[in-house]
Amino acid sequence: MRSFNDMTAHGLGRAAARLANAVKPATTRATAKATEFAHNLRAQFEAGQASAVTDEVQAAEVADAMRGVDWAKVRASTSAKSSDAAKSMKTMAAEVDWEKVQPVAAKVSSALIAAVASGQIGVGGRLGPTVARAIMNDRNLAGRVSTSMADDDVTPPDLRHIVIAGAIDTTSSE
């Protein structure tokens, strides 16, 4: 015959086994959720790497487009404050949060705005959305364009004084 202590220990052991079995499915679910989270995190990381590669390709495409711009024509068409190009430039520049854009990216953004406004870079077709992203410096695309151009010792003209001043004039008069 078992002693009282043996029976209590046996009962506690069975209770512990039932508790362990009850917890096991929850632990399995938690492990499955953790595994799923890890797989999702890995997929997001890999997508981010692919996105970074895409950003580099897009930066190179915008830089190539900027290399083909006749900057003298851009300056000529955007210098008259009453010109359509100047009005277009002010509209585009008003959409950029210039306080958040680093100086080198602001230089590229302003040059792109002037090139688009003057018709030197088209915004139709496949390159259009990428140019718009570069103007807005989405995910530092304008900064990447600047780096891509600097690698080839090409520097876009600094048109910030014209473009940003136009945006400030537009927003301050509203």
Protein backbone atom coordinates (compact mmCIF):
# COMPACT_ATOMS: atom_id res chain seq x y z
CA MET A 1 0.00 0.00 0.00
CA ARG A 2 1.19 3.46 -0.84
CA SER A 3 1.82 6.07 1.73
CA PHE A 4 0.00 9.35 1.75
CA ASN A 5 3.12 11.12 0.52
CA ASP A 6 3.50 8.70 -2.37
CA MET A 7 -0.13 9.21 -3.38
CA THR A 8 0.26 12.98 -3.16
CA ALA A 9 3.44 12.86 -5.19
CA HIS A 10 1.80 10.56 -7.72
CA GLY A 11 -1.22 12.90 -7.96
CA LEU A 12 1.00 15.93 -8.37
CA GLY A 13 3.01 14.13 -11.02
CA ARG A 14 -0.15 13.31 -12.98
CA ALA A 15 -1.35 16.90 -12.61
CA ALA A 16 2.00 18.16 -13.85
CA ALA A 17 1.85 15.77 -16.82
CA ARG A 18 -1.67 16.97 -17.69
CA LEU A 19 -0.52 20.59 -17.42
CA ALA A 20 2.49 19.87 -19.61
CA ASN A 21 0.27 18.18 -22.20
CA ALA A 22 -2.16 21.10 -22.07
CA VAL A 23 0.65 23.61 -22.55
CA LYS A 24 2.37 21.63 -25.29
CA PRO A 25 -0.14 22.61 -28.04
CA ALA A 26 0.16 26.26 -26.96
CA THR A 27 3.93 25.95 -27.06
CA THR A 28 3.71 24.33 -30.48
CA ARG A 29 1.47 27.19 -31.66
CA ALA A 30 3.88 29.73 -30.22
CA THR A 31 6.79 28.00 -31.92
CA ALA A 32 4.87 27.94 -35.19
CA LYS A 33 4.06 31.64 -34.85
CA ALA A 34 7.68 32.44 -34.04
CA THR A 35 8.82 30.41 -37.03
CA GLU A 36 6.30 32.16 -39.28
CA PHE A 37 7.45 35.53 -37.94
CA ALA A 38 11.08 34.63 -38.62
CA HIS A 39 10.23 33.56 -42.19
CA ASN A 40 8.28 36.80 -42.76
CA LEU A 41 11.13 38.85 -41.33
CA ARG A 42 13.60 37.08 -43.61
CA ALA A 43 11.35 37.65 -46.64
CA GLN A 44 11.05 41.34 -45.77
CA PHE A 45 14.82 41.59 -45.37
CA GLU A 46 15.38 39.95 -48.74
CA ALA A 47 12.74 42.17 -50.33
CA GLY A 48 14.53 45.17 -48.82
CA GLN A 49 17.77 44.02 -50.40
CA ALA A 50 16.01 43.61 -53.75
CA SER A 51 14.47 47.03 -53.25
CA ALA A 52 17.92 48.50 -52.61
CA VAL A 53 19.19 46.96 -55.86
CA THR A 54 16.15 48.37 -57.69
CA ASP A 55 16.82 51.79 -56.16
CA GLU A 56 20.41 51.68 -57.41
CA VAL A 57 19.24 50.78 -60.93
CA GLN A 58 16.67 53.56 -60.85
CA ALA A 59 19.26 56.04 -59.58
CA ALA A 60 21.51 55.11 -62.50
CA GLU A 61 18.61 55.59 -64.96
CA VAL A 62 17.81 59.06 -63.60
CA ALA A 63 21.50 59.98 -63.58
CA ASP A 64 21.76 58.90 -67.24
CA ALA A 65 18.75 61.06 -68.09
CA MET A 66 20.32 64.01 -66.30
CA ARG A 67 23.60 63.57 -68.18
CA GLY A 68 21.74 64.16 -71.44
CA VAL A 69 20.21 67.47 -70.35
CA ASP A 70 21.23 70.72 -72.02
CA TRP A 71 21.50 72.75 -68.82
CA ALA A 72 21.95 76.04 -70.70
CA LYS A 73 18.49 75.51 -72.24
CA VAL A 74 17.10 74.63 -68.83
CA ARG A 75 18.45 77.87 -67.33
CA ALA A 76 17.15 79.90 -70.26
CA SER A 77 13.64 78.46 -70.11
CA THR A 78 13.31 78.65 -66.33
CA SER A 79 14.85 82.07 -65.79
CA ALA A 80 11.78 84.10 -66.78
CA LYS A 81 9.50 84.11 -63.73
CA SER A 82 6.40 84.38 -65.89
CA SER A 83 7.26 81.45 -68.15
CA ASP A 84 5.26 78.22 -68.13
CA ALA A 85 8.43 76.38 -67.13
CA ALA A 86 8.86 78.61 -64.08
CA LYS A 87 5.22 78.09 -63.08
CA SER A 88 5.57 74.33 -63.52
CA MET A 89 8.79 74.43 -61.52
CA LYS A 90 7.07 76.24 -58.64
CA THR A 91 4.24 73.71 -58.61
CA MET A 92 6.62 70.75 -58.45
CA ALA A 93 8.91 72.41 -55.90
CA ALA A 94 5.99 73.10 -53.58
CA GLU A 95 5.48 69.32 -53.25
CA VAL A 96 8.97 68.71 -51.85
CA ASP A 97 9.64 68.95 -48.11
CA TRP A 98 12.88 70.84 -48.52
CA GLU A 99 13.65 70.83 -44.80
CA LYS A 100 13.95 67.03 -44.85
CA VAL A 101 16.06 66.80 -48.01
CA GLN A 102 19.82 66.71 -47.54
CA PRO A 103 21.74 69.41 -49.47
CA VAL A 104 23.21 67.05 -52.07
CA ALA A 105 19.78 65.49 -52.69
CA ALA A 106 18.18 68.96 -52.79
CA LYS A 107 20.63 69.90 -55.54
CA VAL A 108 19.57 66.87 -57.62
CA SER A 109 15.87 67.40 -56.87
CA SER A 110 15.98 71.04 -57.89
CA ALA A 111 17.92 70.24 -61.07
CA LEU A 112 15.40 67.53 -61.94
CA ILE A 113 12.50 69.90 -61.32
CA ALA A 114 14.05 72.49 -63.65
CA ALA A 115 14.85 69.85 -66.30
CA VAL A 116 11.30 68.49 -66.21
CA ALA A 117 9.73 71.95 -66.21
CA SER A 118 11.80 72.97 -69.23
CA GLY A 119 10.97 69.78 -71.12
CA GLN A 120 14.54 68.46 -71.10
CA ILE A 121 13.47 65.36 -69.13
CA GLY A 122 10.09 63.88 -69.88
CA VAL A 123 7.88 62.50 -67.17
CA GLY A 124 5.89 60.27 -69.46
CA GLY A 125 6.75 56.64 -69.98
CA ARG A 126 8.64 54.22 -67.83
CA LEU A 127 11.08 56.77 -66.35
CA GLY A 128 8.37 59.21 -65.18
CA PRO A 129 7.54 57.63 -61.82
CA THR A 130 11.22 57.20 -61.05
CA VAL A 131 11.93 60.86 -61.83
CA ALA A 132 9.02 61.84 -59.56
CA ARG A 133 10.45 59.66 -56.78
CA ALA A 134 13.86 61.27 -57.25
CA ILE A 135 12.36 64.75 -57.10
CA MET A 136 10.64 63.87 -53.82
CA ASN A 137 13.83 62.09 -52.66
CA ASP A 138 11.79 58.99 -51.88
CA ARG A 139 14.03 56.55 -49.98
CA ASN A 140 16.96 58.90 -50.70
CA LEU A 141 16.75 58.32 -54.45
CA ALA A 142 18.01 61.86 -55.20
CA GLY A 143 20.99 61.17 -52.95
CA ARG A 144 21.70 57.96 -54.86
CA VAL A 145 21.44 59.83 -58.17
CA SER A 146 23.97 62.34 -56.87
CA THR A 147 26.33 59.52 -55.89
CA SER A 148 25.90 57.85 -59.27
CA MET A 149 26.70 61.09 -61.07
CA ALA A 150 29.66 61.85 -58.80
CA ASP A 151 31.11 58.41 -59.59
CA ASP A 152 31.35 59.62 -63.21
CA ASP A 153 32.62 63.09 -62.20
CA VAL A 154 29.38 64.69 -63.42
CA THR A 155 27.65 67.27 -61.29
CA PRO A 156 24.20 68.68 -62.01
CA PRO A 157 23.98 72.47 -61.84
CA ASP A 158 22.90 73.96 -58.56
CA LEU A 159 19.46 75.40 -59.26
CA ARG A 160 18.27 75.36 -55.66
CA HIS A 161 18.26 79.14 -55.43
CA ILE A 162 15.76 79.33 -58.31
CA VAL A 163 13.63 76.27 -57.57
CA ILE A 164 13.42 76.46 -53.79
CA ALA A 165 12.91 80.23 -53.85
CA GLY A 166 10.03 79.65 -56.27
CA ALA A 167 8.49 77.10 -53.92
CA ILE A 168 8.84 79.47 -50.97
CA ASP A 169 7.25 82.29 -52.99
CA THR A 170 4.36 79.98 -53.93
CA THR A 171 3.70 78.68 -50.42
CA SER A 172 4.10 82.05 -48.69
CA SER A 173 1.57 83.74 -50.94
CA GLU A 174 -1.14 81.14 -50.28
